[in-house]
Amino acid sequence: MFNSHGTVLNPKKSKTKYPEARVIVLDDNFNSFQHVANCLLTIIPNMSEKRAWDLTIKVDTTGSAEVWRGNLEQAELYHEQLFIKGLTMAPIEKA
């Protein structure tokens, strides 16, 4: 690899890692368990029904749960989609 000045770039150093982020759902007094679990199932990729229910119960018992972790751009998308469905969301946290 060469940059515009003709110097060799180290491929290991030139790859910048995308920032990771966490999507966290917060407990509230108005969303039902069924609604939260359904939202997780339909929005978060590869979410199993059991995991959706486990996370929903964790939100209820501890006040919050990390429902997804990965690159920032995808985290923003899932965060927005869950928010639009009415879930109470923590601000996106960079991991």
PDB file of N, CA and C in Angstrom:
ATOM      1  N   MET A   1       0.840  -1.194   0.000  1.00  0.00           N
ATOM      2  CA  MET A   1       0.000   0.000   0.000  1.00  0.00           C
ATOM      3  C   MET A   1       0.878   1.248   0.000  1.00  0.00           C
ATOM      4  N   PHE A   2       0.513   2.201  -0.783  1.00  0.00           N
ATOM      5  CA  PHE A   2       1.233   3.473  -0.826  1.00  0.00           C
ATOM      6  C   PHE A   2       0.244   4.594  -0.595  1.00  0.00           C
ATOM      7  N   ASN A   3       0.690   5.621   0.131  1.00  0.00           N
ATOM      8  CA  ASN A   3      -0.172   6.805   0.231  1.00  0.00           C
ATOM      9  C   ASN A   3       0.226   7.778  -0.864  1.00  0.00           C
ATOM     10  N   SER A   4      -0.352   8.956  -0.889  1.00  0.00           N
ATOM     11  CA  SER A   4      -0.105   9.899  -1.989  1.00  0.00           C
ATOM     12  C   SER A   4       1.331  10.420  -2.017  1.00  0.00           C
ATOM     13  N   HIS A   5       2.090  10.211  -0.946  1.00  0.00           N
ATOM     14  CA  HIS A   5       3.471  10.690  -0.912  1.00  0.00           C
ATOM     15  C   HIS A   5       4.455   9.592  -1.290  1.00  0.00           C
ATOM     16  N   GLY A   6       3.944   8.402  -1.652  1.00  0.00           N
ATOM     17  CA  GLY A   6       4.814   7.331  -2.106  1.00  0.00           C
ATOM     18  C   GLY A   6       5.422   6.514  -0.981  1.00  0.00           C
ATOM     19  N   THR A   7       5.014   6.729   0.247  1.00  0.00           N
ATOM     20  CA  THR A   7       5.569   5.940   1.344  1.00  0.00           C
ATOM     21  C   THR A   7       4.691   4.716   1.594  1.00  0.00           C
ATOM     22  N   VAL A   8       5.320   3.683   2.081  1.00  0.00           N
ATOM     23  CA  VAL A   8       4.604   2.438   2.339  1.00  0.00           C
ATOM     24  C   VAL A   8       3.813   2.581   3.636  1.00  0.00           C
ATOM     25  N   LEU A   9       2.550   2.168   3.567  1.00  0.00           N
ATOM     26  CA  LEU A   9       1.713   2.184   4.764  1.00  0.00           C
ATOM     27  C   LEU A   9       1.660   0.795   5.357  1.00  0.00           C
ATOM     28  N   ASN A  10       1.743   0.723   6.638  1.00  0.00           N
ATOM     29  CA  ASN A  10       1.602  -0.551   7.321  1.00  0.00           C
ATOM     30  C   ASN A  10       0.111  -0.866   7.407  1.00  0.00           C
ATOM     31  N   PRO A  11      -0.353  -1.953   6.740  1.00  0.00           N
ATOM     32  CA  PRO A  11      -1.795  -2.245   6.733  1.00  0.00           C
ATOM     33  C   PRO A  11      -2.374  -2.437   8.131  1.00  0.00           C
ATOM     34  N   LYS A  12      -1.566  -2.959   9.048  1.00  0.00           N
ATOM     35  CA  LYS A  12      -2.065  -3.165  10.414  1.00  0.00           C
ATOM     36  C   LYS A  12      -2.313  -1.836  11.116  1.00  0.00           C
ATOM     37  N   LYS A  13      -1.482  -0.847  10.834  1.00  0.00           N
ATOM     38  CA  LYS A  13      -1.640   0.453  11.481  1.00  0.00           C
ATOM     39  C   LYS A  13      -2.647   1.337  10.748  1.00  0.00           C
ATOM     40  N   SER A  14      -2.854   1.108   9.449  1.00  0.00           N
ATOM     41  CA  SER A  14      -3.744   1.990   8.694  1.00  0.00           C
ATOM     42  C   SER A  14      -5.218   1.627   8.879  1.00  0.00           C
ATOM     43  N   LYS A  15      -5.504   0.437   9.399  1.00  0.00           N
ATOM     44  CA  LYS A  15      -6.895   0.059   9.642  1.00  0.00           C
ATOM     45  C   LYS A  15      -7.340   0.660  10.969  1.00  0.00           C
ATOM     46  N   THR A  16      -8.270   1.584  10.903  1.00  0.00           N
ATOM     47  CA  THR A  16      -8.784   2.162  12.131  1.00  0.00           C
ATOM     48  C   THR A  16      -9.993   1.360  12.576  1.00  0.00           C
ATOM     49  N   LYS A  17     -10.025   1.040  13.830  1.00  0.00           N
ATOM     50  CA  LYS A  17     -11.133   0.260  14.363  1.00  0.00           C
ATOM     51  C   LYS A  17     -12.333   1.178  14.554  1.00  0.00           C
ATOM     52  N   TYR A  18     -13.491   0.697  14.092  1.00  0.00           N
ATOM     53  CA  TYR A  18     -14.699   1.474  14.300  1.00  0.00           C
ATOM     54  C   TYR A  18     -15.014   1.497  15.781  1.00  0.00           C
ATOM     55  N   PRO A  19     -15.471   2.642  16.309  1.00  0.00           N
ATOM     56  CA  PRO A  19     -15.782   2.685  17.734  1.00  0.00           C
ATOM     57  C   PRO A  19     -16.951   1.749  18.047  1.00  0.00           C
ATOM     58  N   GLU A  20     -16.835   1.064  19.161  1.00  0.00           N
ATOM     59  CA  GLU A  20     -17.910   0.180  19.609  1.00  0.00           C
ATOM     60  C   GLU A  20     -18.841   0.952  20.522  1.00  0.00           C
ATOM     61  N   ALA A  21     -20.091   0.535  20.540  1.00  0.00           N
ATOM     62  CA  ALA A  21     -21.085   1.190  21.380  1.00  0.00           C
ATOM     63  C   ALA A  21     -22.030   0.150  21.964  1.00  0.00           C
ATOM     64  N   ARG A  22     -22.694   0.553  23.053  1.00  0.00           N
ATOM     65  CA  ARG A  22     -23.644  -0.310  23.736  1.00  0.00           C
ATOM     66  C   ARG A  22     -25.038   0.289  23.636  1.00  0.00           C
ATOM     67  N   VAL A  23     -26.033  -0.566  23.364  1.00  0.00           N
ATOM     68  CA  VAL A  23     -27.431  -0.151  23.333  1.00  0.00           C
ATOM     69  C   VAL A  23     -28.071  -0.689  24.609  1.00  0.00           C
ATOM     70  N   ILE A  24     -28.608   0.222  25.421  1.00  0.00           N
ATOM     71  CA  ILE A  24     -29.136  -0.150  26.733  1.00  0.00           C
ATOM     72  C   ILE A  24     -30.583   0.290  26.862  1.00  0.00           C
ATOM     73  N   VAL A  25     -31.439  -0.673  27.223  1.00  0.00           N
ATOM     74  CA  VAL A  25     -32.849  -0.400  27.467  1.00  0.00           C
ATOM     75  C   VAL A  25     -33.033  -0.190  28.968  1.00  0.00           C
ATOM     76  N   LEU A  26     -33.826   0.832  29.322  1.00  0.00           N
ATOM     77  CA  LEU A  26     -34.102   1.149  30.727  1.00  0.00           C
ATOM     78  C   LEU A  26     -35.512   0.716  31.112  1.00  0.00           C
ATOM     79  N   ASP A  27     -35.681   0.431  32.390  1.00  0.00           N
ATOM     80  CA  ASP A  27     -36.996   0.065  32.911  1.00  0.00           C
ATOM     81  C   ASP A  27     -37.897   1.297  32.921  1.00  0.00           C
ATOM     82  N   ASP A  28     -39.182   1.072  32.723  1.00  0.00           N
ATOM     83  CA  ASP A  28     -40.169   2.143  32.830  1.00  0.00           C
ATOM     84  C   ASP A  28     -41.467   1.549  33.358  1.00  0.00           C
ATOM     85  N   ASN A  29     -42.460   2.389  33.573  1.00  0.00           N
ATOM     86  CA  ASN A  29     -43.720   1.932  34.154  1.00  0.00           C
ATOM     87  C   ASN A  29     -44.836   1.788  33.132  1.00  0.00           C
ATOM     88  N   PHE A  30     -44.514   1.871  31.838  1.00  0.00           N
ATOM     89  CA  PHE A  30     -45.593   1.853  30.853  1.00  0.00           C
ATOM     90  C   PHE A  30     -45.443   0.817  29.747  1.00  0.00           C
ATOM     91  N   ASN A  31     -44.270   0.285  29.489  1.00  0.00           N
ATOM     92  CA  ASN A  31     -44.121  -0.750  28.461  1.00  0.00           C
ATOM     93  C   ASN A  31     -44.323  -2.125  29.075  1.00  0.00           C
ATOM     94  N   SER A  32     -45.124  -2.956  28.407  1.00  0.00           N
ATOM     95  CA  SER A  32     -45.356  -4.316  28.904  1.00  0.00           C
ATOM     96  C   SER A  32     -44.153  -5.204  28.586  1.00  0.00           C
ATOM     97  N   PHE A  33     -44.036  -6.298  29.319  1.00  0.00           N
ATOM     98  CA  PHE A  33     -42.986  -7.275  29.045  1.00  0.00           C
ATOM     99  C   PHE A  33     -43.077  -7.737  27.595  1.00  0.00           C
ATOM    100  N   GLN A  34     -44.300  -8.032  27.149  1.00  0.00           N
ATOM    101  CA  GLN A  34     -44.507  -8.541  25.798  1.00  0.00           C
ATOM    102  C   GLN A  34     -44.017  -7.534  24.754  1.00  0.00           C
ATOM    103  N   HIS A  35     -44.311  -6.249  24.964  1.00  0.00           N
ATOM    104  CA  HIS A  35     -43.894  -5.226  24.009  1.00  0.00           C
ATOM    105  C   HIS A  35     -42.370  -5.128  23.951  1.00  0.00           C
ATOM    106  N   VAL A  36     -41.725  -5.100  25.107  1.00  0.00           N
ATOM    107  CA  VAL A  36     -40.262  -4.998  25.137  1.00  0.00           C
ATOM    108  C   VAL A  36     -39.636  -6.207  24.439  1.00  0.00           C
ATOM    109  N   ALA A  37     -40.087  -7.399  24.797  1.00  0.00           N
ATOM    110  CA  ALA A  37     -39.536  -8.624  24.192  1.00  0.00           C
ATOM    111  C   ALA A  37     -39.770  -8.631  22.679  1.00  0.00           C
ATOM    112  N   ASN A  38     -40.952  -8.246  22.231  1.00  0.00           N
ATOM    113  CA  ASN A  38     -41.247  -8.202  20.794  1.00  0.00           C
ATOM    114  C   ASN A  38     -40.349  -7.209  20.065  1.00  0.00           C
ATOM    115  N   CYS A  39     -40.130  -6.050  20.663  1.00  0.00           N
ATOM    116  CA  CYS A  39     -39.252  -5.045  20.047  1.00  0.00           C
ATOM    117  C   CYS A  39     -37.831  -5.596  19.896  1.00  0.00           C
ATOM    118  N   LEU A  40     -37.325  -6.234  20.942  1.00  0.00           N
ATOM    119  CA  LEU A  40     -35.975  -6.804  20.872  1.00  0.00           C
ATOM    120  C   LEU A  40     -35.900  -7.876  19.784  1.00  0.00           C
ATOM    121  N   LEU A  41     -36.922  -8.705  19.717  1.00  0.00           N
ATOM    122  CA  LEU A  41     -36.956  -9.778  18.714  1.00  0.00           C
ATOM    123  C   LEU A  41     -36.972  -9.244  17.290  1.00  0.00           C
ATOM    124  N   THR A  42     -37.715  -8.182  17.057  1.00  0.00           N
ATOM    125  CA  THR A  42     -37.864  -7.684  15.690  1.00  0.00           C
ATOM    126  C   THR A  42     -36.754  -6.726  15.265  1.00  0.00           C
ATOM    127  N   ILE A  43     -36.096  -6.079  16.208  1.00  0.00           N
ATOM    128  CA  ILE A  43     -35.112  -5.043  15.849  1.00  0.00           C
ATOM    129  C   ILE A  43     -33.667  -5.515  15.981  1.00  0.00           C
ATOM    130  N   ILE A  44     -33.349  -6.261  17.029  1.00  0.00           N
ATOM    131  CA  ILE A  44     -31.960  -6.669  17.260  1.00  0.00           C
ATOM    132  C   ILE A  44     -31.679  -7.948  16.460  1.00  0.00           C
ATOM    133  N   PRO A  45     -30.661  -7.921  15.587  1.00  0.00           N
ATOM    134  CA  PRO A  45     -30.365  -9.090  14.759  1.00  0.00           C
ATOM    135  C   PRO A  45     -29.985 -10.316  15.598  1.00  0.00           C
ATOM    136  N   ASN A  46     -30.394 -11.476  15.128  1.00  0.00           N
ATOM    137  CA  ASN A  46     -30.056 -12.761  15.753  1.00  0.00           C
ATOM    138  C   ASN A  46     -30.545 -12.902  17.190  1.00  0.00           C
ATOM    139  N   MET A  47     -31.563 -12.140  17.551  1.00  0.00           N
ATOM    140  CA  MET A  47     -32.119 -12.220  18.901  1.00  0.00           C
ATOM    141  C   MET A  47     -33.057 -13.424  18.974  1.00  0.00           C
ATOM    142  N   SER A  48     -32.818 -14.288  19.944  1.00  0.00           N
ATOM    143  CA  SER A  48     -33.719 -15.426  20.137  1.00  0.00           C
ATOM    144  C   SER A  48     -34.852 -14.999  21.066  1.00  0.00           C
ATOM    145  N   GLU A  49     -35.937 -15.751  21.014  1.00  0.00           N
ATOM    146  CA  GLU A  49     -37.060 -15.435  21.891  1.00  0.00           C
ATOM    147  C   GLU A  49     -36.659 -15.561  23.358  1.00  0.00           C
ATOM    148  N   LYS A  50     -35.873 -16.586  23.684  1.00  0.00           N
ATOM    149  CA  LYS A  50     -35.429 -16.770  25.073  1.00  0.00           C
ATOM    150  C   LYS A  50     -34.564 -15.599  25.528  1.00  0.00           C
ATOM    151  N   ARG A  51     -33.630 -15.196  24.683  1.00  0.00           N
ATOM    152  CA  ARG A  51     -32.741 -14.069  25.045  1.00  0.00           C
ATOM    153  C   ARG A  51     -33.547 -12.778  25.195  1.00  0.00           C
ATOM    154  N   ALA A  52     -34.515 -12.550  24.313  1.00  0.00           N
ATOM    155  CA  ALA A  52     -35.351 -11.352  24.413  1.00  0.00           C
ATOM    156  C   ALA A  52     -36.080 -11.325  25.752  1.00  0.00           C
ATOM    157  N   TRP A  53     -36.630 -12.461  26.153  1.00  0.00           N
ATOM    158  CA  TRP A  53     -37.330 -12.521  27.444  1.00  0.00           C
ATOM    159  C   TRP A  53     -36.364 -12.386  28.620  1.00  0.00           C
ATOM    160  N   ASP A  54     -35.188 -13.011  28.524  1.00  0.00           N
ATOM    161  CA  ASP A  54     -34.180 -12.874  29.594  1.00  0.00           C
ATOM    162  C   ASP A  54     -33.770 -11.413  29.766  1.00  0.00           C
ATOM    163  N   LEU A  55     -33.555 -10.714  28.656  1.00  0.00           N
ATOM    164  CA  LEU A  55     -33.176  -9.296  28.727  1.00  0.00           C
ATOM    165  C   LEU A  55     -34.325  -8.446  29.269  1.00  0.00           C
ATOM    166  N   THR A  56     -35.548  -8.764  28.872  1.00  0.00           N
ATOM    167  CA  THR A  56     -36.721  -8.031  29.360  1.00  0.00           C
ATOM    168  C   THR A  56     -36.841  -8.185  30.871  1.00  0.00           C
ATOM    169  N   ILE A  57     -36.643  -9.376  31.367  1.00  0.00           N
ATOM    170  CA  ILE A  57     -36.698  -9.623  32.815  1.00  0.00           C
ATOM    171  C   ILE A  57     -35.560  -8.887  33.518  1.00  0.00           C
ATOM    172  N   LYS A  58     -34.369  -8.869  32.905  1.00  0.00           N
ATOM    173  CA  LYS A  58     -33.239  -8.139  33.491  1.00  0.00           C
ATOM    174  C   LYS A  58     -33.543  -6.643  33.575  1.00  0.00           C
ATOM    175  N   VAL A  59     -34.142  -6.085  32.531  1.00  0.00           N
ATOM    176  CA  VAL A  59     -34.524  -4.664  32.558  1.00  0.00           C
ATOM    177  C   VAL A  59     -35.440  -4.410  33.756  1.00  0.00           C
ATOM    178  N   ASP A  60     -36.411  -5.291  33.949  1.00  0.00           N
ATOM    179  CA  ASP A  60     -37.381  -5.123  35.033  1.00  0.00           C
ATOM    180  C   ASP A  60     -36.737  -5.278  36.406  1.00  0.00           C
ATOM    181  N   THR A  61     -35.854  -6.249  36.565  1.00  0.00           N
ATOM    182  CA  THR A  61     -35.299  -6.534  37.898  1.00  0.00           C
ATOM    183  C   THR A  61     -34.114  -5.650  38.273  1.00  0.00           C
ATOM    184  N   THR A  62     -33.319  -5.232  37.277  1.00  0.00           N
ATOM    185  CA  THR A  62     -32.122  -4.440  37.601  1.00  0.00           C
ATOM    186  C   THR A  62     -32.217  -2.980  37.155  1.00  0.00           C
ATOM    187  N   GLY A  63     -33.228  -2.668  36.339  1.00  0.00           N
ATOM    188  CA  GLY A  63     -33.391  -1.289  35.879  1.00  0.00           C
ATOM    189  C   GLY A  63     -32.846  -1.014  34.496  1.00  0.00           C
ATOM    190  N   SER A  64     -32.010  -1.923  33.982  1.00  0.00           N
ATOM    191  CA  SER A  64     -31.471  -1.730  32.632  1.00  0.00           C
ATOM    192  C   SER A  64     -30.844  -3.025  32.144  1.00  0.00           C
ATOM    193  N   ALA A  65     -30.653  -3.096  30.827  1.00  0.00           N
ATOM    194  CA  ALA A  65     -29.941  -4.229  30.233  1.00  0.00           C
ATOM    195  C   ALA A  65     -29.311  -3.806  28.923  1.00  0.00           C
ATOM    196  N   GLU A  66     -28.081  -4.261  28.711  1.00  0.00           N
ATOM    197  CA  GLU A  66     -27.423  -4.062  27.426  1.00  0.00           C
ATOM    198  C   GLU A  66     -28.034  -5.076  26.466  1.00  0.00           C
ATOM    199  N   VAL A  67     -28.653  -4.571  25.404  1.00  0.00           N
ATOM    200  CA  VAL A  67     -29.339  -5.464  24.467  1.00  0.00           C
ATOM    201  C   VAL A  67     -28.543  -5.687  23.184  1.00  0.00           C
ATOM    202  N   TRP A  68     -27.545  -4.859  22.956  1.00  0.00           N
ATOM    203  CA  TRP A  68     -26.701  -5.026  21.778  1.00  0.00           C
ATOM    204  C   TRP A  68     -25.403  -4.276  21.980  1.00  0.00           C
ATOM    205  N   ARG A  69     -24.311  -4.819  21.421  1.00  0.00           N
ATOM    206  CA  ARG A  69     -23.000  -4.161  21.443  1.00  0.00           C
ATOM    207  C   ARG A  69     -22.356  -4.377  20.092  1.00  0.00           C
ATOM    208  N   GLY A  70     -21.799  -3.320  19.537  1.00  0.00           N
ATOM    209  CA  GLY A  70     -21.141  -3.431  18.237  1.00  0.00           C
ATOM    210  C   GLY A  70     -20.756  -2.063  17.725  1.00  0.00           C
ATOM    211  N   ASN A  71     -20.589  -1.951  16.405  1.00  0.00           N
ATOM    212  CA  ASN A  71     -20.102  -0.671  15.881  1.00  0.00           C
ATOM    213  C   ASN A  71     -21.130   0.440  16.090  1.00  0.00           C
ATOM    214  N   LEU A  72     -20.618   1.634  16.235  1.00  0.00           N
ATOM    215  CA  LEU A  72     -21.417   2.796  16.610  1.00  0.00           C
ATOM    216  C   LEU A  72     -22.562   3.059  15.643  1.00  0.00           C
ATOM    217  N   GLU A  73     -22.306   2.937  14.351  1.00  0.00           N
ATOM    218  CA  GLU A  73     -23.345   3.237  13.364  1.00  0.00           C
ATOM    219  C   GLU A  73     -24.551   2.305  13.520  1.00  0.00           C
ATOM    220  N   GLN A  74     -24.301   1.011  13.687  1.00  0.00           N
ATOM    221  CA  GLN A  74     -25.402   0.067  13.892  1.00  0.00           C
ATOM    222  C   GLN A  74     -26.080   0.324  15.235  1.00  0.00           C
ATOM    223  N   ALA A  75     -25.297   0.633  16.259  1.00  0.00           N
ATOM    224  CA  ALA A  75     -25.867   0.921  17.579  1.00  0.00           C
ATOM    225  C   ALA A  75     -26.842   2.090  17.496  1.00  0.00           C
ATOM    226  N   GLU A  76     -26.475   3.117  16.744  1.00  0.00           N
ATOM    227  CA  GLU A  76     -27.363   4.273  16.587  1.00  0.00           C
ATOM    228  C   GLU A  76     -28.675   3.875  15.914  1.00  0.00           C
ATOM    229  N   LEU A  77     -28.586   3.002  14.915  1.00  0.00           N
ATOM    230  CA  LEU A  77     -29.780   2.542  14.211  1.00  0.00           C
ATOM    231  C   LEU A  77     -30.699   1.763  15.153  1.00  0.00           C
ATOM    232  N   TYR A  78     -30.163   0.786  15.871  1.00  0.00           N
ATOM    233  CA  TYR A  78     -30.990  -0.029  16.769  1.00  0.00           C
ATOM    234  C   TYR A  78     -31.561   0.821  17.903  1.00  0.00           C
ATOM    235  N   HIS A  79     -30.749   1.738  18.422  1.00  0.00           N
ATOM    236  CA  HIS A  79     -31.195   2.638  19.490  1.00  0.00           C
ATOM    237  C   HIS A  79     -32.402   3.452  19.015  1.00  0.00           C
ATOM    238  N   GLU A  80     -32.282   4.028  17.825  1.00  0.00           N
ATOM    239  CA  GLU A  80     -33.365   4.852  17.285  1.00  0.00           C
ATOM    240  C   GLU A  80     -34.627   4.024  17.045  1.00  0.00           C
ATOM    241  N   GLN A  81     -34.467   2.829  16.493  1.00  0.00           N
ATOM    242  CA  GLN A  81     -35.628   1.976  16.209  1.00  0.00           C
ATOM    243  C   GLN A  81     -36.340   1.563  17.499  1.00  0.00           C
ATOM    244  N   LEU A  82     -35.581   1.228  18.534  1.00  0.00           N
ATOM    245  CA  LEU A  82     -36.191   0.856  19.816  1.00  0.00           C
ATOM    246  C   LEU A  82     -36.887   2.065  20.442  1.00  0.00           C
ATOM    247  N   PHE A  83     -36.268   3.222  20.334  1.00  0.00           N
ATOM    248  CA  PHE A  83     -36.859   4.455  20.866  1.00  0.00           C
ATOM    249  C   PHE A  83     -38.175   4.780  20.160  1.00  0.00           C
ATOM    250  N   ILE A  84     -38.192   4.649  18.842  1.00  0.00           N
ATOM    251  CA  ILE A  84     -39.407   4.917  18.060  1.00  0.00           C
ATOM    252  C   ILE A  84     -40.539   3.980  18.476  1.00  0.00           C
ATOM    253  N   LYS A  85     -40.191   2.746  18.866  1.00  0.00           N
ATOM    254  CA  LYS A  85     -41.198   1.779  19.324  1.00  0.00           C
ATOM    255  C   LYS A  85     -41.685   2.080  20.742  1.00  0.00           C
ATOM    256  N   GLY A  86     -41.095   3.103  21.370  1.00  0.00           N
ATOM    257  CA  GLY A  86     -41.571   3.528  22.682  1.00  0.00           C
ATOM    258  C   GLY A  86     -40.771   3.035  23.868  1.00  0.00           C
ATOM    259  N   LEU A  87     -39.661   2.319  23.615  1.00  0.00           N
ATOM    260  CA  LEU A  87     -38.859   1.853  24.747  1.00  0.00           C
ATOM    261  C   LEU A  87     -38.083   3.021  25.345  1.00  0.00           C
ATOM    262  N   THR A  88     -37.828   2.929  26.633  1.00  0.00           N
ATOM    263  CA  THR A  88     -37.042   3.943  27.322  1.00  0.00           C
ATOM    264  C   THR A  88     -35.575   3.549  27.180  1.00  0.00           C
ATOM    265  N   MET A  89     -34.805   4.431  26.563  1.00  0.00           N
ATOM    266  CA  MET A  89     -33.422   4.115  26.215  1.00  0.00           C
ATOM    267  C   MET A  89     -32.429   4.977  26.966  1.00  0.00           C
ATOM    268  N   ALA A  90     -31.323   4.351  27.387  1.00  0.00           N
ATOM    269  CA  ALA A  90     -30.190   5.115  27.911  1.00  0.00           C
ATOM    270  C   ALA A  90     -29.478   5.727  26.714  1.00  0.00           C
ATOM    271  N   PRO A  91     -28.753   6.826  26.925  1.00  0.00           N
ATOM    272  CA  PRO A  91     -27.936   7.341  25.818  1.00  0.00           C
ATOM    273  C   PRO A  91     -26.969   6.264  25.355  1.00  0.00           C
ATOM    274  N   ILE A  92     -26.621   6.265  24.088  1.00  0.00           N
ATOM    275  CA  ILE A  92     -25.663   5.280  23.567  1.00  0.00           C
ATOM    276  C   ILE A  92     -24.348   5.451  24.305  1.00  0.00           C
ATOM    277  N   GLU A  93     -23.811   4.331  24.775  1.00  0.00           N
ATOM    278  CA  GLU A  93     -22.519   4.355  25.481  1.00  0.00           C
ATOM    279  C   GLU A  93     -21.447   3.796  24.561  1.00  0.00           C
ATOM    280  N   LYS A  94     -20.351   4.517  24.444  1.00  0.00           N
ATOM    281  CA  LYS A  94     -19.221   3.961  23.698  1.00  0.00           C
ATOM    282  C   LYS A  94     -18.554   2.933  24.593  1.00  0.00           C
ATOM    283  N   ALA A  95     -18.297   1.761  24.020  1.00  0.00           N
ATOM    284  CA  ALA A  95     -17.753   0.653  24.797  1.00  0.00           C
ATOM    285  C   ALA A  95     -16.236   0.744  24.889  1.00  0.00           C
TER     286      ALA A  95
END
